[in-house]
Amino acid sequence: MKIKSNKIGLRYGENPNQNAYLISYNNKSIFNYQISGKRISYNNLVDLDSGLKCLEEFNEPTSIIVKHTNPCGVASAKNIEDAFIKSYNSDPKSAFGGIIFLNRKVNSNLAKIITKKFFEMIVANSFDKDAIEILKKKKNLILLKKPDTKKINFEYKSTLFGDLYQTKDLTPINKKFLKLVSKKIGSTKSISDLIFSLKVAKHLKSNAVVLSKNKQTLGLGNGQTNRIDALKFALSNKRKYFKIKSFVCASDGFFPFTDSINLLNRNGCNVVAQPSGSINDKKIILYANSNKISLYFIKNRLFKH
């Protein structure tokens, strides 16, 4: 059976000097879900792919702001308005010109809040009529109804050597994903924050470090070429925007030395999650026990390249 495809030309690729097009294998392309705003670009599509995959991790009202394929602010709350405000406050500077992903309907009140700031696109389950009228006043702002993403169990990317394929990581991130390896047990609230942090870490470029509290990211380290610098970057963001003393930390790979957990301890972090696999695992556990830190090893590593 021949699979029908549609080739859709784009304004340009990652940069204006590059030609680009989208090949869609669905009856509906992403453009069918657009409500208003300028035409969706190549970079928008790459960011959409990243943000929607991250949003799939969450069931409760959640807001994710994506910039250059990485979440820069993520928060869950009792309602979507609070979730958005918390996600924005996680890193207002990075949120400028970003894409908002919301897993609930946008109402007029939330629309008014969003229009006070500059964003490239808003993706949501739906928009009420008043919200659309408010948001459409910003002519270039792209409004997109969250598409029905195709459920696939594999991923692929193109390389110089051919197309790479791998099975999609579908392991649920929940309490069973965590294994306590220290003497001190984390509180129920801190475990909830750890699970939240790991869901975010899974969708950040490695090396990834996520600091959070009350299901709000306080600092994110991603893309650095060593883990200690990723952690330092996350901590610098936390110091800039938050005076919170205690928080949790999730890492997509293990901390290879005690320098990272020592830095976390000095800054008030008392609950940490990371995968095992380092020759220094025992030293990390010993440090955690000596400093009354709750340390959890996670079921799988969460690298994203």
Foldseek 3Di string as FASTA:
>chain_A
DDQDWDKAWFCAAPDNVHTDIDIGRDPDDQVVQWDAADDQHNQNVLLLVLVVLLVVLDDAWKKFWDDSSATQKIFGDNDNLVRVVLRCLLFVVRSAQTEMETAAEAELVSLVVVVVGHYQEYEYCYYDPNSCVSNCVPRRYIYGHHDDDDDDQKDWDADPVGIDMDGHPPDRQAPVQKDWDAPADDDPQQRVLQSLQVSNQLSAAPQWKFKDHNRITNFIFGDDPDNQVSLVRRVVSNVVRHPDQEIEMEGLADDQDCPNVVVCLVRHYQEYEHADDHPCPVVNRVVNHVSVHTYIHGPHRRHDD
